[in-house]
Amino acid sequence: YEAGFSPICPPLYLPLFLNDAVPEEHKSGIDMSRDLLRRSHVLVVCGHSMTEAMKNDIAVAQRLGITATTLEGILTVKGQGRR
């Protein structure tokens, strides 16, 4: 947020109203996440480990021409990260 972006993280809020164990709701969660990604200008990958879902999101972003970077990369560009 301090770097000028509004963070949107579906894995943090979708479980509040979707049950991933229910196949229809699991698919709805994937569809909602992909719709949000399509509307995004940049995909910022956070954390030190990479899940399959994150790899898939990066691949989708690349196909859509959406920049994918890390949080550290964004902060460095904005002059707030480590150099």
PDB file of N, CA and C in Angstrom:
ATOM      1  N   TYR A   1       0.832  -1.185   0.000  1.00  0.00           N
ATOM      2  CA  TYR A   1       0.000   0.000   0.000  1.00  0.00           C
ATOM      3  C   TYR A   1       0.874   1.245   0.000  1.00  0.00           C
ATOM      4  N   GLU A   2       1.933   1.233   0.785  1.00  0.00           N
ATOM      5  CA  GLU A   2       2.827   2.390   0.856  1.00  0.00           C
ATOM      6  C   GLU A   2       3.543   2.643  -0.466  1.00  0.00           C
ATOM      7  N   ALA A   3       3.630   1.631  -1.328  1.00  0.00           N
ATOM      8  CA  ALA A   3       4.278   1.790  -2.628  1.00  0.00           C
ATOM      9  C   ALA A   3       3.306   2.307  -3.682  1.00  0.00           C
ATOM     10  N   GLY A   4       2.061   2.574  -3.284  1.00  0.00           N
ATOM     11  CA  GLY A   4       1.097   3.153  -4.212  1.00  0.00           C
ATOM     12  C   GLY A   4       0.145   2.171  -4.859  1.00  0.00           C
ATOM     13  N   PHE A   5       0.058   0.972  -4.340  1.00  0.00           N
ATOM     14  CA  PHE A   5      -0.830  -0.039  -4.894  1.00  0.00           C
ATOM     15  C   PHE A   5      -1.847  -0.465  -3.850  1.00  0.00           C
ATOM     16  N   SER A   6      -3.016  -0.900  -4.307  1.00  0.00           N
ATOM     17  CA  SER A   6      -4.029  -1.455  -3.407  1.00  0.00           C
ATOM     18  C   SER A   6      -3.909  -2.972  -3.441  1.00  0.00           C
ATOM     19  N   PRO A   7      -3.526  -3.589  -2.331  1.00  0.00           N
ATOM     20  CA  PRO A   7      -3.357  -5.044  -2.333  1.00  0.00           C
ATOM     21  C   PRO A   7      -4.699  -5.770  -2.365  1.00  0.00           C
ATOM     22  N   ILE A   8      -4.781  -6.759  -3.236  1.00  0.00           N
ATOM     23  CA  ILE A   8      -5.954  -7.622  -3.316  1.00  0.00           C
ATOM     24  C   ILE A   8      -5.426  -9.047  -3.291  1.00  0.00           C
ATOM     25  N   CYS A   9      -5.768  -9.797  -2.267  1.00  0.00           N
ATOM     26  CA  CYS A   9      -5.234 -11.147  -2.102  1.00  0.00           C
ATOM     27  C   CYS A   9      -6.385 -12.135  -1.902  1.00  0.00           C
ATOM     28  N   PRO A  10      -6.903 -12.714  -2.996  1.00  0.00           N
ATOM     29  CA  PRO A  10      -8.033 -13.637  -2.881  1.00  0.00           C
ATOM     30  C   PRO A  10      -7.843 -14.771  -1.876  1.00  0.00           C
ATOM     31  N   PRO A  11      -6.641 -15.375  -1.745  1.00  0.00           N
ATOM     32  CA  PRO A  11      -6.520 -16.465  -0.766  1.00  0.00           C
ATOM     33  C   PRO A  11      -6.790 -16.031   0.673  1.00  0.00           C
ATOM     34  N   LEU A  12      -6.690 -14.739   0.950  1.00  0.00           N
ATOM     35  CA  LEU A  12      -6.947 -14.271   2.312  1.00  0.00           C
ATOM     36  C   LEU A  12      -8.425 -14.045   2.598  1.00  0.00           C
ATOM     37  N   TYR A  13      -9.197 -13.636   1.582  1.00  0.00           N
ATOM     38  CA  TYR A  13     -10.590 -13.311   1.885  1.00  0.00           C
ATOM     39  C   TYR A  13     -11.620 -14.270   1.287  1.00  0.00           C
ATOM     40  N   LEU A  14     -11.302 -14.974   0.206  1.00  0.00           N
ATOM     41  CA  LEU A  14     -12.296 -15.885  -0.366  1.00  0.00           C
ATOM     42  C   LEU A  14     -12.720 -16.989   0.602  1.00  0.00           C
ATOM     43  N   PRO A  15     -11.820 -17.535   1.432  1.00  0.00           N
ATOM     44  CA  PRO A  15     -12.256 -18.561   2.389  1.00  0.00           C
ATOM     45  C   PRO A  15     -13.273 -18.061   3.419  1.00  0.00           C
ATOM     46  N   LEU A  16     -13.439 -16.753   3.517  1.00  0.00           N
ATOM     47  CA  LEU A  16     -14.436 -16.227   4.449  1.00  0.00           C
ATOM     48  C   LEU A  16     -15.854 -16.564   4.007  1.00  0.00           C
ATOM     49  N   PHE A  17     -16.054 -16.754   2.676  1.00  0.00           N
ATOM     50  CA  PHE A  17     -17.406 -17.051   2.215  1.00  0.00           C
ATOM     51  C   PHE A  17     -17.475 -18.217   1.229  1.00  0.00           C
ATOM     52  N   LEU A  18     -16.349 -18.833   0.914  1.00  0.00           N
ATOM     53  CA  LEU A  18     -16.341 -20.014   0.056  1.00  0.00           C
ATOM     54  C   LEU A  18     -15.700 -21.182   0.798  1.00  0.00           C
ATOM     55  N   ASN A  19     -16.266 -22.362   0.605  1.00  0.00           N
ATOM     56  CA  ASN A  19     -15.709 -23.576   1.201  1.00  0.00           C
ATOM     57  C   ASN A  19     -14.944 -24.322   0.113  1.00  0.00           C
ATOM     58  N   ASP A  20     -13.634 -24.327   0.206  1.00  0.00           N
ATOM     59  CA  ASP A  20     -12.782 -24.936  -0.813  1.00  0.00           C
ATOM     60  C   ASP A  20     -13.009 -26.443  -0.940  1.00  0.00           C
ATOM     61  N   ALA A  21     -13.587 -27.071   0.070  1.00  0.00           N
ATOM     62  CA  ALA A  21     -13.851 -28.506   0.029  1.00  0.00           C
ATOM     63  C   ALA A  21     -15.065 -28.842  -0.843  1.00  0.00           C
ATOM     64  N   VAL A  22     -15.879 -27.842  -1.162  1.00  0.00           N
ATOM     65  CA  VAL A  22     -17.042 -28.034  -2.028  1.00  0.00           C
ATOM     66  C   VAL A  22     -16.599 -27.722  -3.460  1.00  0.00           C
ATOM     67  N   PRO A  23     -16.632 -28.704  -4.357  1.00  0.00           N
ATOM     68  CA  PRO A  23     -16.088 -28.509  -5.704  1.00  0.00           C
ATOM     69  C   PRO A  23     -16.611 -27.270  -6.438  1.00  0.00           C
ATOM     70  N   GLU A  24     -17.906 -27.004  -6.344  1.00  0.00           N
ATOM     71  CA  GLU A  24     -18.465 -25.840  -7.029  1.00  0.00           C
ATOM     72  C   GLU A  24     -17.904 -24.536  -6.455  1.00  0.00           C
ATOM     73  N   GLU A  25     -17.754 -24.494  -5.146  1.00  0.00           N
ATOM     74  CA  GLU A  25     -17.220 -23.292  -4.509  1.00  0.00           C
ATOM     75  C   GLU A  25     -15.724 -23.146  -4.793  1.00  0.00           C
ATOM     76  N   HIS A  26     -15.016 -24.267  -4.864  1.00  0.00           N
ATOM     77  CA  HIS A  26     -13.593 -24.230  -5.222  1.00  0.00           C
ATOM     78  C   HIS A  26     -13.430 -23.617  -6.614  1.00  0.00           C
ATOM     79  N   LYS A  27     -14.245 -24.084  -7.574  1.00  0.00           N
ATOM     80  CA  LYS A  27     -14.182 -23.547  -8.935  1.00  0.00           C
ATOM     81  C   LYS A  27     -14.570 -22.072  -8.950  1.00  0.00           C
ATOM     82  N   SER A  28     -15.569 -21.687  -8.175  1.00  0.00           N
ATOM     83  CA  SER A  28     -15.957 -20.273  -8.100  1.00  0.00           C
ATOM     84  C   SER A  28     -14.801 -19.424  -7.594  1.00  0.00           C
ATOM     85  N   GLY A  29     -14.074 -19.927  -6.612  1.00  0.00           N
ATOM     86  CA  GLY A  29     -12.918 -19.201  -6.089  1.00  0.00           C
ATOM     87  C   GLY A  29     -11.846 -19.003  -7.146  1.00  0.00           C
ATOM     88  N   ILE A  30     -11.577 -20.051  -7.922  1.00  0.00           N
ATOM     89  CA  ILE A  30     -10.597 -19.939  -9.008  1.00  0.00           C
ATOM     90  C   ILE A  30     -11.078 -18.923 -10.036  1.00  0.00           C
ATOM     91  N   ASP A  31     -12.353 -18.999 -10.407  1.00  0.00           N
ATOM     92  CA  ASP A  31     -12.907 -18.063 -11.392  1.00  0.00           C
ATOM     93  C   ASP A  31     -12.835 -16.617 -10.900  1.00  0.00           C
ATOM     94  N   MET A  32     -13.171 -16.393  -9.633  1.00  0.00           N
ATOM     95  CA  MET A  32     -13.112 -15.033  -9.078  1.00  0.00           C
ATOM     96  C   MET A  32     -11.680 -14.520  -9.049  1.00  0.00           C
ATOM     97  N   SER A  33     -10.752 -15.378  -8.657  1.00  0.00           N
ATOM     98  CA  SER A  33      -9.341 -14.981  -8.610  1.00  0.00           C
ATOM     99  C   SER A  33      -8.834 -14.619  -9.997  1.00  0.00           C
ATOM    100  N   ARG A  34      -9.189 -15.413 -10.995  1.00  0.00           N
ATOM    101  CA  ARG A  34      -8.740 -15.144 -12.364  1.00  0.00           C
ATOM    102  C   ARG A  34      -9.374 -13.867 -12.909  1.00  0.00           C
ATOM    103  N   ASP A  35     -10.628 -13.623 -12.559  1.00  0.00           N
ATOM    104  CA  ASP A  35     -11.279 -12.386 -12.997  1.00  0.00           C
ATOM    105  C   ASP A  35     -10.563 -11.169 -12.413  1.00  0.00           C
ATOM    106  N   LEU A  36     -10.206 -11.240 -11.143  1.00  0.00           N
ATOM    107  CA  LEU A  36      -9.461 -10.137 -10.526  1.00  0.00           C
ATOM    108  C   LEU A  36      -8.094  -9.958 -11.184  1.00  0.00           C
ATOM    109  N   LEU A  37      -7.448 -11.060 -11.517  1.00  0.00           N
ATOM    110  CA  LEU A  37      -6.143 -10.980 -12.178  1.00  0.00           C
ATOM    111  C   LEU A  37      -6.271 -10.306 -13.544  1.00  0.00           C
ATOM    112  N   ARG A  38      -7.311 -10.659 -14.293  1.00  0.00           N
ATOM    113  CA  ARG A  38      -7.526 -10.044 -15.610  1.00  0.00           C
ATOM    114  C   ARG A  38      -7.701  -8.532 -15.510  1.00  0.00           C
ATOM    115  N   ARG A  39      -8.230  -8.054 -14.418  1.00  0.00           N
ATOM    116  CA  ARG A  39      -8.470  -6.618 -14.231  1.00  0.00           C
ATOM    117  C   ARG A  39      -7.259  -5.883 -13.656  1.00  0.00           C
ATOM    118  N   SER A  40      -6.217  -6.630 -13.335  1.00  0.00           N
ATOM    119  CA  SER A  40      -5.045  -6.053 -12.670  1.00  0.00           C
ATOM    120  C   SER A  40      -4.033  -5.508 -13.669  1.00  0.00           C
ATOM    121  N   HIS A  41      -3.240  -4.558 -13.196  1.00  0.00           N
ATOM    122  CA  HIS A  41      -2.158  -3.995 -14.000  1.00  0.00           C
ATOM    123  C   HIS A  41      -0.839  -4.687 -13.695  1.00  0.00           C
ATOM    124  N   VAL A  42      -0.737  -5.251 -12.503  1.00  0.00           N
ATOM    125  CA  VAL A  42       0.493  -5.920 -12.085  1.00  0.00           C
ATOM    126  C   VAL A  42       0.139  -7.023 -11.087  1.00  0.00           C
ATOM    127  N   LEU A  43       0.901  -8.115 -11.133  1.00  0.00           N
ATOM    128  CA  LEU A  43       0.768  -9.204 -10.168  1.00  0.00           C
ATOM    129  C   LEU A  43       2.007  -9.173  -9.289  1.00  0.00           C
ATOM    130  N   VAL A  44       1.803  -8.978  -8.005  1.00  0.00           N
ATOM    131  CA  VAL A  44       2.921  -8.934  -7.061  1.00  0.00           C
ATOM    132  C   VAL A  44       2.913 -10.234  -6.263  1.00  0.00           C
ATOM    133  N   VAL A  45       3.990 -10.987  -6.389  1.00  0.00           N
ATOM    134  CA  VAL A  45       4.127 -12.269  -5.701  1.00  0.00           C
ATOM    135  C   VAL A  45       4.832 -12.025  -4.372  1.00  0.00           C
ATOM    136  N   CYS A  46       4.202 -12.461  -3.286  1.00  0.00           N
ATOM    137  CA  CYS A  46       4.755 -12.240  -1.943  1.00  0.00           C
ATOM    138  C   CYS A  46       5.154 -13.571  -1.314  1.00  0.00           C
ATOM    139  N   GLY A  47       6.117 -13.512  -0.423  1.00  0.00           N
ATOM    140  CA  GLY A  47       6.541 -14.701   0.305  1.00  0.00           C
ATOM    141  C   GLY A  47       7.794 -15.310  -0.282  1.00  0.00           C
ATOM    142  N   HIS A  48       8.304 -16.316   0.420  1.00  0.00           N
ATOM    143  CA  HIS A  48       9.558 -16.943   0.006  1.00  0.00           C
ATOM    144  C   HIS A  48       9.361 -18.322  -0.600  1.00  0.00           C
ATOM    145  N   SER A  49       8.143 -18.836  -0.569  1.00  0.00           N
ATOM    146  CA  SER A  49       7.878 -20.132  -1.195  1.00  0.00           C
ATOM    147  C   SER A  49       6.856 -19.943  -2.308  1.00  0.00           C
ATOM    148  N   MET A  50       6.881 -20.845  -3.277  1.00  0.00           N
ATOM    149  CA  MET A  50       6.026 -20.729  -4.450  1.00  0.00           C
ATOM    150  C   MET A  50       5.089 -21.929  -4.516  1.00  0.00           C
ATOM    151  N   THR A  51       3.784 -21.676  -4.476  1.00  0.00           N
ATOM    152  CA  THR A  51       2.804 -22.753  -4.593  1.00  0.00           C
ATOM    153  C   THR A  51       2.468 -22.968  -6.070  1.00  0.00           C
ATOM    154  N   GLU A  52       1.804 -24.070  -6.361  1.00  0.00           N
ATOM    155  CA  GLU A  52       1.368 -24.327  -7.737  1.00  0.00           C
ATOM    156  C   GLU A  52       0.366 -23.266  -8.184  1.00  0.00           C
ATOM    157  N   ALA A  53      -0.506 -22.836  -7.278  1.00  0.00           N
ATOM    158  CA  ALA A  53      -1.477 -21.790  -7.622  1.00  0.00           C
ATOM    159  C   ALA A  53      -0.760 -20.497  -8.004  1.00  0.00           C
ATOM    160  N   MET A  54       0.296 -20.169  -7.280  1.00  0.00           N
ATOM    161  CA  MET A  54       1.062 -18.959  -7.600  1.00  0.00           C
ATOM    162  C   MET A  54       1.726 -19.096  -8.967  1.00  0.00           C
ATOM    163  N   LYS A  55       2.290 -20.267  -9.248  1.00  0.00           N
ATOM    164  CA  LYS A  55       2.906 -20.504 -10.558  1.00  0.00           C
ATOM    165  C   LYS A  55       1.872 -20.365 -11.671  1.00  0.00           C
ATOM    166  N   ASN A  56       0.670 -20.882 -11.429  1.00  0.00           N
ATOM    167  CA  ASN A  56      -0.401 -20.763 -12.419  1.00  0.00           C
ATOM    168  C   ASN A  56      -0.796 -19.309 -12.627  1.00  0.00           C
ATOM    169  N   ASP A  57      -0.897 -18.550 -11.543  1.00  0.00           N
ATOM    170  CA  ASP A  57      -1.242 -17.129 -11.660  1.00  0.00           C
ATOM    171  C   ASP A  57      -0.188 -16.368 -12.455  1.00  0.00           C
ATOM    172  N   ILE A  58       1.077 -16.685 -12.225  1.00  0.00           N
ATOM    173  CA  ILE A  58       2.158 -16.028 -12.965  1.00  0.00           C
ATOM    174  C   ILE A  58       2.052 -16.368 -14.453  1.00  0.00           C
ATOM    175  N   ALA A  59       1.770 -17.627 -14.771  1.00  0.00           N
ATOM    176  CA  ALA A  59       1.626 -18.043 -16.169  1.00  0.00           C
ATOM    177  C   ALA A  59       0.452 -17.329 -16.835  1.00  0.00           C
ATOM    178  N   VAL A  60      -0.668 -17.220 -16.128  1.00  0.00           N
ATOM    179  CA  VAL A  60      -1.832 -16.512 -16.669  1.00  0.00           C
ATOM    180  C   VAL A  60      -1.492 -15.042 -16.886  1.00  0.00           C
ATOM    181  N   ALA A  61      -0.833 -14.434 -15.920  1.00  0.00           N
ATOM    182  CA  ALA A  61      -0.439 -13.028 -16.057  1.00  0.00           C
ATOM    183  C   ALA A  61       0.444 -12.841 -17.286  1.00  0.00           C
ATOM    184  N   GLN A  62       1.389 -13.736 -17.493  1.00  0.00           N
ATOM    185  CA  GLN A  62       2.271 -13.634 -18.658  1.00  0.00           C
ATOM    186  C   GLN A  62       1.480 -13.733 -19.950  1.00  0.00           C
ATOM    187  N   ARG A  63       0.534 -14.669 -20.020  1.00  0.00           N
ATOM    188  CA  ARG A  63      -0.287 -14.807 -21.230  1.00  0.00           C
ATOM    189  C   ARG A  63      -1.120 -13.560 -21.489  1.00  0.00           C
ATOM    190  N   LEU A  64      -1.530 -12.888 -20.417  1.00  0.00           N
ATOM    191  CA  LEU A  64      -2.361 -11.686 -20.547  1.00  0.00           C
ATOM    192  C   LEU A  64      -1.536 -10.412 -20.704  1.00  0.00           C
ATOM    193  N   GLY A  65      -0.225 -10.534 -20.656  1.00  0.00           N
ATOM    194  CA  GLY A  65       0.638  -9.355 -20.779  1.00  0.00           C
ATOM    195  C   GLY A  65       0.674  -8.504 -19.523  1.00  0.00           C
ATOM    196  N   ILE A  66       0.383  -9.125 -18.374  1.00  0.00           N
ATOM    197  CA  ILE A  66       0.393  -8.428 -17.091  1.00  0.00           C
ATOM    198  C   ILE A  66       1.751  -8.655 -16.433  1.00  0.00           C
ATOM    199  N   THR A  67       2.379  -7.592 -15.986  1.00  0.00           N
ATOM    200  CA  THR A  67       3.677  -7.690 -15.331  1.00  0.00           C
ATOM    201  C   THR A  67       3.555  -8.478 -14.034  1.00  0.00           C
ATOM    202  N   ALA A  68       4.453  -9.424 -13.833  1.00  0.00           N
ATOM    203  CA  ALA A  68       4.536 -10.170 -12.576  1.00  0.00           C
ATOM    204  C   ALA A  68       5.887  -9.857 -11.943  1.00  0.00           C
ATOM    205  N   THR A  69       5.867  -9.484 -10.688  1.00  0.00           N
ATOM    206  CA  THR A  69       7.097  -9.150  -9.974  1.00  0.00           C
ATOM    207  C   THR A  69       6.949  -9.557  -8.515  1.00  0.00           C
ATOM    208  N   THR A  70       7.972  -9.309  -7.739  1.00  0.00           N
ATOM    209  CA  THR A  70       7.915  -9.597  -6.305  1.00  0.00           C
ATOM    210  C   THR A  70       7.650  -8.306  -5.536  1.00  0.00           C
ATOM    211  N   LEU A  71       7.258  -8.442  -4.292  1.00  0.00           N
ATOM    212  CA  LEU A  71       7.061  -7.267  -3.449  1.00  0.00           C
ATOM    213  C   LEU A  71       8.378  -6.522  -3.289  1.00  0.00           C
ATOM    214  N   GLU A  72       9.470  -7.265  -3.118  1.00  0.00           N
ATOM    215  CA  GLU A  72      10.783  -6.619  -2.997  1.00  0.00           C
ATOM    216  C   GLU A  72      11.110  -5.816  -4.249  1.00  0.00           C
ATOM    217  N   GLY A  73      10.742  -6.339  -5.421  1.00  0.00           N
ATOM    218  CA  GLY A  73      10.974  -5.621  -6.672  1.00  0.00           C
ATOM    219  C   GLY A  73      10.199  -4.323  -6.737  1.00  0.00           C
ATOM    220  N   ILE A  74       8.945  -4.348  -6.325  1.00  0.00           N
ATOM    221  CA  ILE A  74       8.116  -3.134  -6.315  1.00  0.00           C
ATOM    222  C   ILE A  74       8.709  -2.105  -5.365  1.00  0.00           C
ATOM    223  N   LEU A  75       9.070  -2.534  -4.167  1.00  0.00           N
ATOM    224  CA  LEU A  75       9.607  -1.592  -3.181  1.00  0.00           C
ATOM    225  C   LEU A  75      10.932  -0.996  -3.640  1.00  0.00           C
ATOM    226  N   THR A  76      11.760  -1.789  -4.303  1.00  0.00           N
ATOM    227  CA  THR A  76      13.033  -1.274  -4.806  1.00  0.00           C
ATOM    228  C   THR A  76      12.797  -0.214  -5.871  1.00  0.00           C
ATOM    229  N   VAL A  77      11.883  -0.481  -6.791  1.00  0.00           N
ATOM    230  CA  VAL A  77      11.564   0.489  -7.844  1.00  0.00           C
ATOM    231  C   VAL A  77      11.004   1.770  -7.241  1.00  0.00           C
ATOM    232  N   LYS A  78      10.206   1.636  -6.200  1.00  0.00           N
ATOM    233  CA  LYS A  78       9.599   2.803  -5.553  1.00  0.00           C
ATOM    234  C   LYS A  78      10.558   3.486  -4.579  1.00  0.00           C
ATOM    235  N   GLY A  79      11.777   2.966  -4.457  1.00  0.00           N
ATOM    236  CA  GLY A  79      12.770   3.581  -3.576  1.00  0.00           C
ATOM    237  C   GLY A  79      12.581   3.283  -2.107  1.00  0.00           C
ATOM    238  N   GLN A  80      11.832   2.199  -1.804  1.00  0.00           N
ATOM    239  CA  GLN A  80      11.558   1.868  -0.408  1.00  0.00           C
ATOM    240  C   GLN A  80      12.174   0.541   0.015  1.00  0.00           C
ATOM    241  N   GLY A  81      12.768  -0.173  -0.929  1.00  0.00           N
ATOM    242  CA  GLY A  81      13.299  -1.495  -0.605  1.00  0.00           C
ATOM    243  C   GLY A  81      14.793  -1.494  -0.406  1.00  0.00           C
ATOM    244  N   ARG A  82      15.301  -2.692  -0.160  1.00  0.00           N
ATOM    245  CA  ARG A  82      16.748  -2.859  -0.009  1.00  0.00           C
ATOM    246  C   ARG A  82      17.394  -2.806  -1.377  1.00  0.00           C
ATOM    247  N   ARG A  83      18.594  -2.322  -1.414  1.00  0.00           N
ATOM    248  CA  ARG A  83      19.336  -2.275  -2.680  1.00  0.00           C
ATOM    249  C   ARG A  83      20.538  -3.160  -2.596  1.00  0.00           C
TER     250      ARG A  83
END
